């Protein structure tokens, strides 16, 4: 499991550059704690994920996409209300298409 976490950590570090990714086991069974920090060591985000999410390629892609979104919000480059509006548009389109 340690080697697997190290390889996942390397992938996450590459995907989330310039932030530094730290993965360590959580107190919760089957979970791990992910910390994103700046090069100066300031923590930007901390999230808990299941090991399964990080081992499945498709789910790992979703995790990285979510972290990118959270970073945009943390950096002040994206407002949470914009995300809600975008989700609303997507849901409205899929609802309209299902009625057609």
PDB file of N, CA and C in Angstrom:
ATOM      1  N   UNK A   1       0.829  -1.197   0.000  1.00  0.00           N
ATOM      2  CA  UNK A   1       0.000   0.000   0.000  1.00  0.00           C
ATOM      3  C   UNK A   1       0.873   1.260   0.000  1.00  0.00           C
ATOM      4  N   UNK A   2       2.024   1.216   0.673  1.00  0.00           N
ATOM      5  CA  UNK A   2       2.901   2.376   0.740  1.00  0.00           C
ATOM      6  C   UNK A   2       3.422   2.737  -0.646  1.00  0.00           C
ATOM      7  N   UNK A   3       3.889   1.733  -1.423  1.00  0.00           N
ATOM      8  CA  UNK A   3       4.374   1.996  -2.770  1.00  0.00           C
ATOM      9  C   UNK A   3       3.277   2.575  -3.645  1.00  0.00           C
ATOM     10  N   UNK A   4       2.060   2.067  -3.489  1.00  0.00           N
ATOM     11  CA  UNK A   4       0.914   2.561  -4.255  1.00  0.00           C
ATOM     12  C   UNK A   4       0.654   4.028  -3.905  1.00  0.00           C
ATOM     13  N   UNK A   5       0.698   4.361  -2.614  1.00  0.00           N
ATOM     14  CA  UNK A   5       0.474   5.752  -2.196  1.00  0.00           C
ATOM     15  C   UNK A   5       1.577   6.664  -2.728  1.00  0.00           C
ATOM     16  N   UNK A   6       2.815   6.159  -2.771  1.00  0.00           N
ATOM     17  CA  UNK A   6       3.919   6.962  -3.293  1.00  0.00           C
ATOM     18  C   UNK A   6       3.734   7.254  -4.772  1.00  0.00           C
ATOM     19  N   UNK A   7       3.311   6.258  -5.542  1.00  0.00           N
ATOM     20  CA  UNK A   7       3.104   6.478  -6.976  1.00  0.00           C
ATOM     21  C   UNK A   7       1.910   7.409  -7.221  1.00  0.00           C
ATOM     22  N   UNK A   8       0.863   7.265  -6.430  1.00  0.00           N
ATOM     23  CA  UNK A   8      -0.292   8.166  -6.547  1.00  0.00           C
ATOM     24  C   UNK A   8       0.134   9.579  -6.173  1.00  0.00           C
ATOM     25  N   UNK A   9       0.934   9.708  -5.138  1.00  0.00           N
ATOM     26  CA  UNK A   9       1.431  11.016  -4.716  1.00  0.00           C
ATOM     27  C   UNK A   9       2.250  11.672  -5.821  1.00  0.00           C
ATOM     28  N   UNK A  10       3.081  10.898  -6.502  1.00  0.00           N
ATOM     29  CA  UNK A  10       3.870  11.433  -7.615  1.00  0.00           C
ATOM     30  C   UNK A  10       2.967  11.928  -8.742  1.00  0.00           C
ATOM     31  N   UNK A  11       1.935  11.142  -9.071  1.00  0.00           N
ATOM     32  CA  UNK A  11       0.988  11.561 -10.105  1.00  0.00           C
ATOM     33  C   UNK A  11       0.269  12.846  -9.714  1.00  0.00           C
ATOM     34  N   UNK A  12      -0.163  12.919  -8.460  1.00  0.00           N
ATOM     35  CA  UNK A  12      -0.862  14.111  -7.989  1.00  0.00           C
ATOM     36  C   UNK A  12       0.056  15.331  -7.984  1.00  0.00           C
ATOM     37  N   UNK A  13       1.311  15.135  -7.574  1.00  0.00           N
ATOM     38  CA  UNK A  13       2.258  16.253  -7.592  1.00  0.00           C
ATOM     39  C   UNK A  13       2.441  16.791  -9.003  1.00  0.00           C
ATOM     40  N   UNK A  14       2.509  15.895  -9.970  1.00  0.00           N
ATOM     41  CA  UNK A  14       2.659  16.319 -11.354  1.00  0.00           C
ATOM     42  C   UNK A  14       1.408  17.055 -11.842  1.00  0.00           C
ATOM     43  N   UNK A  15       0.239  16.540 -11.503  1.00  0.00           N
ATOM     44  CA  UNK A  15      -1.020  17.129 -11.964  1.00  0.00           C
ATOM     45  C   UNK A  15      -1.336  18.454 -11.281  1.00  0.00           C
ATOM     46  N   UNK A  16      -0.816  18.652 -10.078  1.00  0.00           N
ATOM     47  CA  UNK A  16      -1.188  19.837  -9.294  1.00  0.00           C
ATOM     48  C   UNK A  16      -0.023  20.810  -9.098  1.00  0.00           C
ATOM     49  N   UNK A  17       0.994  20.711  -9.944  1.00  0.00           N
ATOM     50  CA  UNK A  17       2.118  21.643  -9.891  1.00  0.00           C
ATOM     51  C   UNK A  17       1.584  23.059 -10.029  1.00  0.00           C
ATOM     52  N   UNK A  18       2.005  24.026  -9.296  1.00  0.00           N
ATOM     53  CA  UNK A  18       3.193  24.147  -8.480  1.00  0.00           C
ATOM     54  C   UNK A  18       2.979  23.771  -7.005  1.00  0.00           C
ATOM     55  N   UNK A  19       1.812  23.247  -6.677  1.00  0.00           N
ATOM     56  CA  UNK A  19       1.533  22.884  -5.290  1.00  0.00           C
ATOM     57  C   UNK A  19       2.202  21.561  -4.941  1.00  0.00           C
ATOM     58  N   UNK A  20       2.533  21.416  -3.668  1.00  0.00           N
ATOM     59  CA  UNK A  20       3.129  20.178  -3.170  1.00  0.00           C
ATOM     60  C   UNK A  20       2.038  19.338  -2.528  1.00  0.00           C
ATOM     61  N   UNK A  21       1.973  18.091  -2.923  1.00  0.00           N
ATOM     62  CA  UNK A  21       0.951  17.171  -2.434  1.00  0.00           C
ATOM     63  C   UNK A  21       1.561  16.254  -1.385  1.00  0.00           C
ATOM     64  N   UNK A  22       0.855  16.117  -0.273  1.00  0.00           N
ATOM     65  CA  UNK A  22       1.248  15.161   0.758  1.00  0.00           C
ATOM     66  C   UNK A  22       0.061  14.246   1.011  1.00  0.00           C
ATOM     67  N   UNK A  23       0.303  12.940   0.947  1.00  0.00           N
ATOM     68  CA  UNK A  23      -0.718  11.936   1.251  1.00  0.00           C
ATOM     69  C   UNK A  23      -0.293  11.173   2.490  1.00  0.00           C
ATOM     70  N   UNK A  24      -1.214  11.020   3.413  1.00  0.00           N
ATOM     71  CA  UNK A  24      -0.921  10.191   4.574  1.00  0.00           C
ATOM     72  C   UNK A  24      -2.207   9.546   5.062  1.00  0.00           C
ATOM     73  N   UNK A  25      -2.105   8.395   5.705  1.00  0.00           N
ATOM     74  CA  UNK A  25      -3.306   7.693   6.170  1.00  0.00           C
ATOM     75  C   UNK A  25      -4.133   8.568   7.113  1.00  0.00           C
ATOM     76  N   UNK A  26      -5.421   8.429   6.990  1.00  0.00           N
ATOM     77  CA  UNK A  26      -6.361   9.149   7.848  1.00  0.00           C
ATOM     78  C   UNK A  26      -6.671   8.295   9.074  1.00  0.00           C
ATOM     79  N   UNK A  27      -7.297   8.908  10.056  1.00  0.00           N
ATOM     80  CA  UNK A  27      -7.759   8.154  11.227  1.00  0.00           C
ATOM     81  C   UNK A  27      -8.948   7.259  10.863  1.00  0.00           C
ATOM     82  N   UNK A  28      -9.589   7.571   9.754  1.00  0.00           N
ATOM     83  CA  UNK A  28     -10.747   6.802   9.307  1.00  0.00           C
ATOM     84  C   UNK A  28     -10.276   5.607   8.468  1.00  0.00           C
ATOM     85  N   UNK A  29     -10.838   4.439   8.691  1.00  0.00           N
ATOM     86  CA  UNK A  29     -10.415   3.254   7.933  1.00  0.00           C
ATOM     87  C   UNK A  29     -10.709   3.412   6.440  1.00  0.00           C
ATOM     88  N   UNK A  30      -9.724   3.032   5.612  1.00  0.00           N
ATOM     89  CA  UNK A  30      -9.897   3.092   4.163  1.00  0.00           C
ATOM     90  C   UNK A  30      -9.775   4.483   3.575  1.00  0.00           C
ATOM     91  N   UNK A  31      -9.367   5.437   4.387  1.00  0.00           N
ATOM     92  CA  UNK A  31      -9.277   6.831   3.930  1.00  0.00           C
ATOM     93  C   UNK A  31      -7.845   7.337   4.052  1.00  0.00           C
ATOM     94  N   UNK A  32      -7.536   8.376   3.282  1.00  0.00           N
ATOM     95  CA  UNK A  32      -6.251   9.047   3.426  1.00  0.00           C
ATOM     96  C   UNK A  32      -6.461  10.554   3.359  1.00  0.00           C
ATOM     97  N   UNK A  33      -5.557  11.261   3.966  1.00  0.00           N
ATOM     98  CA  UNK A  33      -5.601  12.719   4.035  1.00  0.00           C
ATOM     99  C   UNK A  33      -4.676  13.274   2.961  1.00  0.00           C
ATOM    100  N   UNK A  34      -5.193  14.185   2.138  1.00  0.00           N
ATOM    101  CA  UNK A  34      -4.408  14.840   1.110  1.00  0.00           C
ATOM    102  C   UNK A  34      -4.246  16.300   1.494  1.00  0.00           C
ATOM    103  N   UNK A  35      -3.021  16.779   1.478  1.00  0.00           N
ATOM    104  CA  UNK A  35      -2.737  18.170   1.799  1.00  0.00           C
ATOM    105  C   UNK A  35      -2.031  18.801   0.615  1.00  0.00           C
ATOM    106  N   UNK A  36      -2.509  19.974   0.204  1.00  0.00           N
ATOM    107  CA  UNK A  36      -1.855  20.760  -0.842  1.00  0.00           C
ATOM    108  C   UNK A  36      -1.241  21.981  -0.188  1.00  0.00           C
ATOM    109  N   UNK A  37       0.035  22.207  -0.468  1.00  0.00           N
ATOM    110  CA  UNK A  37       0.746  23.338   0.133  1.00  0.00           C
ATOM    111  C   UNK A  37       1.513  24.097  -0.949  1.00  0.00           C
ATOM    112  N   UNK A  38       1.794  25.353  -0.665  1.00  0.00           N
ATOM    113  CA  UNK A  38       2.627  26.149  -1.552  1.00  0.00           C
ATOM    114  C   UNK A  38       4.083  25.749  -1.362  1.00  0.00           C
ATOM    115  N   UNK A  39       4.941  26.275  -2.215  1.00  0.00           N
ATOM    116  CA  UNK A  39       6.369  25.947  -2.095  1.00  0.00           C
ATOM    117  C   UNK A  39       6.962  26.456  -0.783  1.00  0.00           C
ATOM    118  N   UNK A  40       6.312  27.465  -0.183  1.00  0.00           N
ATOM    119  CA  UNK A  40       6.785  27.969   1.105  1.00  0.00           C
ATOM    120  C   UNK A  40       6.223  27.167   2.281  1.00  0.00           C
ATOM    121  N   UNK A  41       5.363  26.180   1.990  1.00  0.00           N
ATOM    122  CA  UNK A  41       4.829  25.319   3.037  1.00  0.00           C
ATOM    123  C   UNK A  41       3.469  25.717   3.573  1.00  0.00           C
ATOM    124  N   UNK A  42       2.901  26.798   3.056  1.00  0.00           N
ATOM    125  CA  UNK A  42       1.566  27.227   3.508  1.00  0.00           C
ATOM    126  C   UNK A  42       0.508  26.262   2.969  1.00  0.00           C
ATOM    127  N   UNK A  43      -0.319  25.729   3.847  1.00  0.00           N
ATOM    128  CA  UNK A  43      -1.368  24.786   3.449  1.00  0.00           C
ATOM    129  C   UNK A  43      -2.497  25.549   2.763  1.00  0.00           C
ATOM    130  N   UNK A  44      -2.840  25.074   1.567  1.00  0.00           N
ATOM    131  CA  UNK A  44      -3.901  25.702   0.778  1.00  0.00           C
ATOM    132  C   UNK A  44      -5.193  24.905   0.910  1.00  0.00           C
ATOM    133  N   UNK A  45      -5.093  23.584   0.814  1.00  0.00           N
ATOM    134  CA  UNK A  45      -6.263  22.703   0.908  1.00  0.00           C
ATOM    135  C   UNK A  45      -5.916  21.439   1.677  1.00  0.00           C
ATOM    136  N   UNK A  46      -6.902  20.913   2.387  1.00  0.00           N
ATOM    137  CA  UNK A  46      -6.796  19.592   3.005  1.00  0.00           C
ATOM    138  C   UNK A  46      -8.097  18.866   2.718  1.00  0.00           C
ATOM    139  N   UNK A  47      -7.993  17.668   2.194  1.00  0.00           N
ATOM    140  CA  UNK A  47      -9.164  16.872   1.870  1.00  0.00           C
ATOM    141  C   UNK A  47      -8.919  15.428   2.284  1.00  0.00           C
ATOM    142  N   UNK A  48     -10.012  14.720   2.551  1.00  0.00           N
ATOM    143  CA  UNK A  48      -9.949  13.298   2.868  1.00  0.00           C
ATOM    144  C   UNK A  48     -10.605  12.536   1.723  1.00  0.00           C
ATOM    145  N   UNK A  49      -9.912  11.507   1.238  1.00  0.00           N
ATOM    146  CA  UNK A  49     -10.415  10.684   0.151  1.00  0.00           C
ATOM    147  C   UNK A  49     -10.307   9.225   0.542  1.00  0.00           C
ATOM    148  N   UNK A  50     -11.135   8.399  -0.092  1.00  0.00           N
ATOM    149  CA  UNK A  50     -10.984   6.959   0.108  1.00  0.00           C
ATOM    150  C   UNK A  50      -9.834   6.486  -0.772  1.00  0.00           C
ATOM    151  N   UNK A  51      -9.153   5.435  -0.324  1.00  0.00           N
ATOM    152  CA  UNK A  51      -8.072   4.866  -1.118  1.00  0.00           C
ATOM    153  C   UNK A  51      -8.596   4.442  -2.492  1.00  0.00           C
ATOM    154  N   UNK A  52      -9.828   3.968  -2.530  1.00  0.00           N
ATOM    155  CA  UNK A  52     -10.429   3.512  -3.791  1.00  0.00           C
ATOM    156  C   UNK A  52     -10.477   4.652  -4.815  1.00  0.00           C
ATOM    157  N   UNK A  53     -10.856   5.865  -4.367  1.00  0.00           N
ATOM    158  CA  UNK A  53     -10.915   7.010  -5.277  1.00  0.00           C
ATOM    159  C   UNK A  53      -9.564   7.302  -5.903  1.00  0.00           C
ATOM    160  N   UNK A  54      -8.514   7.080  -5.157  1.00  0.00           N
ATOM    161  CA  UNK A  54      -7.180   7.407  -5.644  1.00  0.00           C
ATOM    162  C   UNK A  54      -6.561   6.275  -6.468  1.00  0.00           C
ATOM    163  N   UNK A  55      -7.117   5.082  -6.378  1.00  0.00           N
ATOM    164  CA  UNK A  55      -6.560   3.950  -7.107  1.00  0.00           C
ATOM    165  C   UNK A  55      -7.242   3.727  -8.451  1.00  0.00           C
ATOM    166  N   UNK A  56      -8.465   4.178  -8.599  1.00  0.00           N
ATOM    167  CA  UNK A  56      -9.206   4.033  -9.849  1.00  0.00           C
ATOM    168  C   UNK A  56      -8.889   5.235 -10.743  1.00  0.00           C
ATOM    169  N   UNK A  57      -8.417   4.981 -11.957  1.00  0.00           N
ATOM    170  CA  UNK A  57      -7.954   6.056 -12.850  1.00  0.00           C
ATOM    171  C   UNK A  57      -9.047   7.095 -13.122  1.00  0.00           C
ATOM    172  N   UNK A  58     -10.263   6.631 -13.376  1.00  0.00           N
ATOM    173  CA  UNK A  58     -11.363   7.549 -13.673  1.00  0.00           C
ATOM    174  C   UNK A  58     -11.705   8.400 -12.448  1.00  0.00           C
ATOM    175  N   UNK A  59     -11.760   7.769 -11.292  1.00  0.00           N
ATOM    176  CA  UNK A  59     -12.071   8.503 -10.066  1.00  0.00           C
ATOM    177  C   UNK A  59     -10.942   9.452  -9.681  1.00  0.00           C
ATOM    178  N   UNK A  60      -9.696   9.036  -9.944  1.00  0.00           N
ATOM    179  CA  UNK A  60      -8.556   9.902  -9.663  1.00  0.00           C
ATOM    180  C   UNK A  60      -8.617  11.161 -10.526  1.00  0.00           C
ATOM    181  N   UNK A  61      -9.054  11.017 -11.772  1.00  0.00           N
ATOM    182  CA  UNK A  61      -9.236  12.175 -12.647  1.00  0.00           C
ATOM    183  C   UNK A  61     -10.283  13.119 -12.060  1.00  0.00           C
ATOM    184  N   UNK A  62     -11.371  12.569 -11.534  1.00  0.00           N
ATOM    185  CA  UNK A  62     -12.405  13.392 -10.888  1.00  0.00           C
ATOM    186  C   UNK A  62     -11.853  14.104  -9.655  1.00  0.00           C
ATOM    187  N   UNK A  63     -11.017  13.415  -8.893  1.00  0.00           N
ATOM    188  CA  UNK A  63     -10.396  14.015  -7.708  1.00  0.00           C
ATOM    189  C   UNK A  63      -9.542  15.212  -8.119  1.00  0.00           C
ATOM    190  N   UNK A  64      -8.716  15.033  -9.151  1.00  0.00           N
ATOM    191  CA  UNK A  64      -7.835  16.116  -9.612  1.00  0.00           C
ATOM    192  C   UNK A  64      -8.671  17.287 -10.140  1.00  0.00           C
ATOM    193  N   UNK A  65      -9.721  16.997 -10.907  1.00  0.00           N
ATOM    194  CA  UNK A  65     -10.592  18.066 -11.404  1.00  0.00           C
ATOM    195  C   UNK A  65     -11.219  18.848 -10.250  1.00  0.00           C
ATOM    196  N   UNK A  66     -11.674  18.125  -9.237  1.00  0.00           N
ATOM    197  CA  UNK A  66     -12.256  18.777  -8.067  1.00  0.00           C
ATOM    198  C   UNK A  66     -11.240  19.623  -7.315  1.00  0.00           C
ATOM    199  N   UNK A  67     -10.020  19.113  -7.203  1.00  0.00           N
ATOM    200  CA  UNK A  67      -8.969  19.885  -6.528  1.00  0.00           C
ATOM    201  C   UNK A  67      -8.607  21.134  -7.322  1.00  0.00           C
ATOM    202  N   UNK A  68      -8.569  21.026  -8.655  1.00  0.00           N
ATOM    203  CA  UNK A  68      -8.316  22.213  -9.479  1.00  0.00           C
ATOM    204  C   UNK A  68      -9.400  23.269  -9.238  1.00  0.00           C
ATOM    205  N   UNK A  69     -10.653  22.833  -9.193  1.00  0.00           N
ATOM    206  CA  UNK A  69     -11.763  23.752  -8.930  1.00  0.00           C
ATOM    207  C   UNK A  69     -11.616  24.383  -7.544  1.00  0.00           C
ATOM    208  N   UNK A  70     -11.310  23.563  -6.547  1.00  0.00           N
ATOM    209  CA  UNK A  70     -11.147  24.078  -5.184  1.00  0.00           C
ATOM    210  C   UNK A  70      -9.982  25.062  -5.097  1.00  0.00           C
ATOM    211  N   UNK A  71      -8.917  24.804  -5.865  1.00  0.00           N
ATOM    212  CA  UNK A  71      -7.784  25.736  -5.891  1.00  0.00           C
ATOM    213  C   UNK A  71      -8.179  27.069  -6.513  1.00  0.00           C
ATOM    214  N   UNK A  72      -8.968  27.017  -7.577  1.00  0.00           N
ATOM    215  CA  UNK A  72      -9.436  28.258  -8.195  1.00  0.00           C
ATOM    216  C   UNK A  72     -10.255  29.081  -7.203  1.00  0.00           C
ATOM    217  N   UNK A  73     -11.074  28.410  -6.428  1.00  0.00           N
ATOM    218  CA  UNK A  73     -11.876  29.101  -5.407  1.00  0.00           C
ATOM    219  C   UNK A  73     -10.965  29.653  -4.315  1.00  0.00           C
ATOM    220  N   UNK A  74     -10.023  28.828  -3.836  1.00  0.00           N
ATOM    221  CA  UNK A  74      -9.108  29.254  -2.761  1.00  0.00           C
ATOM    222  C   UNK A  74      -8.250  30.436  -3.206  1.00  0.00           C
ATOM    223  N   UNK A  75      -7.888  30.471  -4.487  1.00  0.00           N
ATOM    224  CA  UNK A  75      -7.071  31.558  -5.013  1.00  0.00           C
ATOM    225  C   UNK A  75      -7.905  32.793  -5.355  1.00  0.00           C
ATOM    226  N   UNK A  76      -9.223  32.680  -5.239  1.00  0.00           N
ATOM    227  CA  UNK A  76     -10.098  33.810  -5.541  1.00  0.00           C
ATOM    228  C   UNK A  76     -10.335  34.012  -7.024  1.00  0.00           C
ATOM    229  N   UNK A  77     -10.007  32.999  -7.836  1.00  0.00           N
ATOM    230  CA  UNK A  77     -10.192  33.130  -9.279  1.00  0.00           C
ATOM    231  C   UNK A  77     -11.528  32.578  -9.756  1.00  0.00           C
ATOM    232  N   UNK A  78     -12.282  31.952  -8.864  1.00  0.00           N
ATOM    233  CA  UNK A  78     -13.587  31.409  -9.205  1.00  0.00           C
ATOM    234  C   UNK A  78     -14.472  31.507  -7.973  1.00  0.00           C
ATOM    235  N   UNK A  79     -15.646  32.063  -8.152  1.00  0.00           N
ATOM    236  CA  UNK A  79     -16.583  32.217  -7.049  1.00  0.00           C
ATOM    237  C   UNK A  79     -17.493  30.990  -6.969  1.00  0.00           C
ATOM    238  N   UNK A  80     -17.815  30.523  -5.762  1.00  0.00           N
ATOM    239  CA  UNK A  80     -18.693  29.349  -5.613  1.00  0.00           C
ATOM    240  C   UNK A  80     -20.043  29.524  -6.308  1.00  0.00           C
ATOM    241  N   UNK A  81     -20.547  30.754  -6.370  1.00  0.00           N
ATOM    242  CA  UNK A  81     -21.840  30.979  -7.024  1.00  0.00           C
ATOM    243  C   UNK A  81     -21.748  30.703  -8.529  1.00  0.00           C
ATOM    244  N   UNK A  82     -20.571  30.907  -9.128  1.00  0.00           N
ATOM    245  CA  UNK A  82     -20.377  30.606 -10.553  1.00  0.00           C
ATOM    246  C   UNK A  82     -20.484  29.107 -10.778  1.00  0.00           C
ATOM    247  N   UNK A  83     -19.914  28.334  -9.881  1.00  0.00           N
ATOM    248  CA  UNK A  83     -19.997  26.875  -9.986  1.00  0.00           C
ATOM    249  C   UNK A  83     -21.451  26.427  -9.895  1.00  0.00           C
ATOM    250  N   UNK A  84     -22.188  26.990  -8.947  1.00  0.00           N
ATOM    251  CA  UNK A  84     -23.601  26.640  -8.795  1.00  0.00           C
ATOM    252  C   UNK A  84     -24.377  26.990 -10.067  1.00  0.00           C
ATOM    253  N   UNK A  85     -24.095  28.141 -10.651  1.00  0.00           N
ATOM    254  CA  UNK A  85     -24.777  28.551 -11.876  1.00  0.00           C
ATOM    255  C   UNK A  85     -24.441  27.602 -13.029  1.00  0.00           C
ATOM    256  N   UNK A  86     -23.173  27.212 -13.146  1.00  0.00           N
ATOM    257  CA  UNK A  86     -22.776  26.287 -14.203  1.00  0.00           C
ATOM    258  C   UNK A  86     -23.449  24.930 -14.031  1.00  0.00           C
ATOM    259  N   UNK A  87     -23.530  24.453 -12.806  1.00  0.00           N
ATOM    260  CA  UNK A  87     -24.210  23.176 -12.553  1.00  0.00           C
ATOM    261  C   UNK A  87     -25.681  23.271 -12.930  1.00  0.00           C
ATOM    262  N   UNK A  88     -26.281  24.403 -12.627  1.00  0.00           N
ATOM    263  CA  UNK A  88     -27.686  24.627 -12.956  1.00  0.00           C
ATOM    264  C   UNK A  88     -27.910  24.551 -14.453  1.00  0.00           C
ATOM    265  N   UNK A  89     -27.031  25.155 -15.229  1.00  0.00           N
ATOM    266  CA  UNK A  89     -27.142  25.135 -16.682  1.00  0.00           C
ATOM    267  C   UNK A  89     -27.023  23.713 -17.204  1.00  0.00           C
ATOM    268  N   UNK A  90     -26.052  22.963 -16.699  1.00  0.00           N
ATOM    269  CA  UNK A  90     -25.849  21.582 -17.139  1.00  0.00           C
ATOM    270  C   UNK A  90     -27.071  20.738 -16.792  1.00  0.00           C
ATOM    271  N   UNK A  91     -27.596  20.887 -15.592  1.00  0.00           N
ATOM    272  CA  UNK A  91     -28.766  20.108 -15.182  1.00  0.00           C
ATOM    273  C   UNK A  91     -29.980  20.483 -16.021  1.00  0.00           C
ATOM    274  N   UNK A  92     -30.145  21.753 -16.325  1.00  0.00           N
ATOM    275  CA  UNK A  92     -31.287  22.201 -17.145  1.00  0.00           C
ATOM    276  C   UNK A  92     -31.206  21.611 -18.545  1.00  0.00           C
ATOM    277  N   UNK A  93     -29.989  21.607 -19.129  1.00  0.00           N
ATOM    278  CA  UNK A  93     -29.810  21.052 -20.472  1.00  0.00           C
ATOM    279  C   UNK A  93     -30.098  19.567 -20.488  1.00  0.00           C
ATOM    280  N   UNK A  94     -29.610  18.834 -19.486  1.00  0.00           N
ATOM    281  CA  UNK A  94     -29.834  17.390 -19.471  1.00  0.00           C
ATOM    282  C   UNK A  94     -31.310  17.084 -19.225  1.00  0.00           C
ATOM    283  N   UNK A  95     -31.993  17.894 -18.440  1.00  0.00           N
ATOM    284  CA  UNK A  95     -33.411  17.725 -18.194  1.00  0.00           C
ATOM    285  C   UNK A  95     -34.191  17.980 -19.476  1.00  0.00           C
ATOM    286  N   UNK A  96     -33.824  19.046 -20.193  1.00  0.00           N
ATOM    287  CA  UNK A  96     -34.507  19.387 -21.437  1.00  0.00           C
ATOM    288  C   UNK A  96     -34.297  18.298 -22.478  1.00  0.00           C
ATOM    289  N   UNK A  97     -33.071  17.763 -22.574  1.00  0.00           N
ATOM    290  CA  UNK A  97     -32.789  16.701 -23.526  1.00  0.00           C
ATOM    291  C   UNK A  97     -33.549  15.429 -23.203  1.00  0.00           C
ATOM    292  N   UNK A  98     -33.757  15.147 -21.924  1.00  0.00           N
ATOM    293  CA  UNK A  98     -34.487  13.937 -21.550  1.00  0.00           C
ATOM    294  C   UNK A  98     -35.978  14.064 -21.875  1.00  0.00           C
ATOM    295  N   UNK A  99     -36.474  15.288 -21.969  1.00  0.00           N
ATOM    296  CA  UNK A  99     -37.874  15.496 -22.320  1.00  0.00           C
ATOM    297  C   UNK A  99     -38.103  15.390 -23.828  1.00  0.00           C
ATOM    298  N   UNK A 100     -37.058  15.615 -24.589  1.00  0.00           N
ATOM    299  CA  UNK A 100     -37.209  15.636 -26.068  1.00  0.00           C
ATOM    300  C   UNK A 100     -37.435  14.256 -26.632  1.00  0.00           C
TER     301      UNK A 100
END
